[in-house]
Each structure stands twice: as structure tokens, then as C-alpha cells.
Amino acid sequence: MSQTEGARLFRETWIAGVHRHFPGEQKGRFVATSRTAQICGHFEAIEEAPG
């Protein structure tokens, strides 16, 4: 199996698992790395802070 075929198989398997655990219509969503999510969450908390 080539690297491209392996990557495609991994992607298809990953997506099938997501659909199995989260059935229904999927919404387009960016899945951030944990560090990116922490930074975005930090900025959102600052923007929502009173004063």
C-alpha cells in the first residue's frame, strides 16, 4: 500500500467513525489543535469580559 493509499484509507476510516459516533447532518467545522483552541478561547473570554 502506498503512502497516498494509506492516507486515503485513514481519512475514510476516520470520517466513518465520526459519522458513527455523531450521526445526522454534519456541519462544516474546523477542528482546531488544542493549542489553537486554547488561544481562541482565551481571546473570546477577553472579548466577552465586562468593562
N, C-alpha and C. Protein backbone atom coordinates (compact mmCIF):
# COMPACT_ATOMS: atom_id res chain seq x y z
N MET A 1 0.86 -1.17 0.00
CA MET A 1 0.00 0.00 0.00
C MET A 1 0.91 1.24 0.00
N SER A 2 0.63 2.16 -0.90
CA SER A 2 1.44 3.37 -0.96
C SER A 2 1.04 4.32 0.17
N GLN A 3 1.85 5.31 0.37
CA GLN A 3 1.56 6.30 1.42
C GLN A 3 0.25 7.03 1.12
N THR A 4 0.03 7.35 -0.15
CA THR A 4 -1.21 8.03 -0.54
C THR A 4 -2.43 7.15 -0.28
N GLU A 5 -2.33 5.88 -0.63
CA GLU A 5 -3.45 4.96 -0.38
C GLU A 5 -3.70 4.81 1.12
N GLY A 6 -2.61 4.71 1.91
CA GLY A 6 -2.75 4.60 3.36
C GLY A 6 -3.39 5.84 3.96
N ALA A 7 -3.00 7.01 3.46
CA ALA A 7 -3.59 8.26 3.96
C ALA A 7 -5.07 8.33 3.62
N ARG A 8 -5.41 7.90 2.40
CA ARG A 8 -6.82 7.91 1.98
C ARG A 8 -7.64 6.95 2.84
N LEU A 9 -7.09 5.76 3.10
CA LEU A 9 -7.78 4.78 3.94
C LEU A 9 -7.99 5.32 5.35
N PHE A 10 -6.94 5.95 5.91
CA PHE A 10 -7.05 6.54 7.24
C PHE A 10 -8.15 7.60 7.28
N ARG A 11 -8.17 8.49 6.27
CA ARG A 11 -9.17 9.56 6.22
C ARG A 11 -10.59 8.99 6.13
N GLU A 12 -10.79 8.02 5.24
CA GLU A 12 -12.11 7.43 5.08
C GLU A 12 -12.56 6.71 6.36
N THR A 13 -11.64 6.03 7.02
CA THR A 13 -11.95 5.34 8.27
C THR A 13 -12.29 6.34 9.36
N TRP A 14 -11.52 7.43 9.43
CA TRP A 14 -11.76 8.48 10.42
C TRP A 14 -13.15 9.08 10.24
N ILE A 15 -13.49 9.42 9.00
CA ILE A 15 -14.79 10.03 8.71
C ILE A 15 -15.92 9.05 9.03
N ALA A 16 -15.74 7.78 8.71
CA ALA A 16 -16.77 6.79 9.03
C ALA A 16 -16.99 6.70 10.54
N GLY A 17 -15.90 6.78 11.32
CA GLY A 17 -16.02 6.77 12.77
C GLY A 17 -16.75 7.98 13.30
N VAL A 18 -16.47 9.14 12.72
CA VAL A 18 -17.17 10.37 13.13
C VAL A 18 -18.66 10.23 12.85
N HIS A 19 -19.00 9.74 11.67
CA HIS A 19 -20.42 9.56 11.32
C HIS A 19 -21.10 8.54 12.23
N ARG A 20 -20.37 7.53 12.66
CA ARG A 20 -20.93 6.51 13.54
C ARG A 20 -21.21 7.09 14.93
N HIS A 21 -20.29 7.90 15.44
CA HIS A 21 -20.44 8.45 16.79
C HIS A 21 -21.30 9.72 16.83
N PHE A 22 -21.38 10.42 15.70
CA PHE A 22 -22.15 11.66 15.62
C PHE A 22 -23.05 11.59 14.38
N PRO A 23 -24.13 10.80 14.46
CA PRO A 23 -25.00 10.63 13.30
C PRO A 23 -25.76 11.91 12.97
N GLY A 24 -26.27 11.97 11.78
CA GLY A 24 -27.06 13.12 11.35
C GLY A 24 -26.26 13.99 10.40
N GLU A 25 -26.86 15.10 10.04
CA GLU A 25 -26.25 16.03 9.10
C GLU A 25 -25.04 16.69 9.73
N GLN A 26 -23.92 16.61 9.04
CA GLN A 26 -22.68 17.20 9.54
C GLN A 26 -22.60 18.66 9.09
N LYS A 27 -22.15 19.51 9.96
CA LYS A 27 -21.94 20.92 9.63
C LYS A 27 -20.46 21.12 9.36
N GLY A 28 -20.16 21.99 8.41
CA GLY A 28 -18.76 22.31 8.14
C GLY A 28 -18.12 22.91 9.37
N ARG A 29 -17.04 22.34 9.83
CA ARG A 29 -16.43 22.84 11.06
C ARG A 29 -14.93 22.57 11.01
N PHE A 30 -14.17 23.54 11.42
CA PHE A 30 -12.72 23.41 11.50
C PHE A 30 -12.38 22.80 12.85
N VAL A 31 -11.61 21.75 12.85
CA VAL A 31 -11.18 21.12 14.09
C VAL A 31 -9.80 21.66 14.43
N ALA A 32 -9.75 22.47 15.47
CA ALA A 32 -8.50 23.13 15.84
C ALA A 32 -7.64 22.22 16.70
N THR A 33 -6.35 22.44 16.62
CA THR A 33 -5.47 21.75 17.54
C THR A 33 -5.72 22.30 18.93
N SER A 34 -5.32 21.58 19.94
CA SER A 34 -5.61 22.01 21.30
C SER A 34 -5.02 23.38 21.62
N ARG A 35 -3.81 23.66 21.14
CA ARG A 35 -3.19 24.96 21.42
C ARG A 35 -3.96 26.08 20.74
N THR A 36 -4.36 25.86 19.49
CA THR A 36 -5.14 26.88 18.79
C THR A 36 -6.46 27.12 19.51
N ALA A 37 -7.10 26.06 19.95
CA ALA A 37 -8.37 26.19 20.67
C ALA A 37 -8.18 26.96 21.98
N GLN A 38 -7.08 26.72 22.67
CA GLN A 38 -6.80 27.43 23.91
C GLN A 38 -6.64 28.93 23.64
N ILE A 39 -5.91 29.26 22.59
CA ILE A 39 -5.68 30.67 22.26
C ILE A 39 -6.99 31.33 21.87
N CYS A 40 -7.78 30.69 21.01
CA CYS A 40 -9.06 31.27 20.60
C CYS A 40 -9.99 31.42 21.79
N GLY A 41 -10.04 30.43 22.64
CA GLY A 41 -10.88 30.51 23.84
C GLY A 41 -10.45 31.64 24.74
N HIS A 42 -9.16 31.86 24.83
CA HIS A 42 -8.62 32.95 25.66
C HIS A 42 -9.08 34.29 25.10
N PHE A 43 -8.97 34.48 23.78
CA PHE A 43 -9.37 35.76 23.18
C PHE A 43 -10.87 35.97 23.28
N GLU A 44 -11.65 34.91 23.12
CA GLU A 44 -13.10 35.05 23.25
C GLU A 44 -13.47 35.45 24.66
N ALA A 45 -12.78 34.91 25.65
CA ALA A 45 -13.07 35.26 27.05
C ALA A 45 -12.75 36.73 27.30
N ILE A 46 -11.69 37.24 26.70
CA ILE A 46 -11.33 38.65 26.87
C ILE A 46 -12.38 39.53 26.22
N GLU A 47 -12.83 39.16 25.02
CA GLU A 47 -13.82 39.97 24.30
C GLU A 47 -15.15 40.01 25.05
N GLU A 48 -15.50 38.93 25.74
CA GLU A 48 -16.77 38.85 26.44
C GLU A 48 -16.71 39.42 27.86
N ALA A 49 -15.53 39.76 28.33
CA ALA A 49 -15.38 40.27 29.70
C ALA A 49 -16.05 41.62 29.83
N PRO A 50 -16.75 41.85 30.95
CA PRO A 50 -17.41 43.14 31.15
C PRO A 50 -16.37 44.25 31.35
N GLY A 51 -16.75 45.45 30.90
CA GLY A 51 -15.89 46.62 31.13
C GLY A 51 -14.92 46.76 30.10
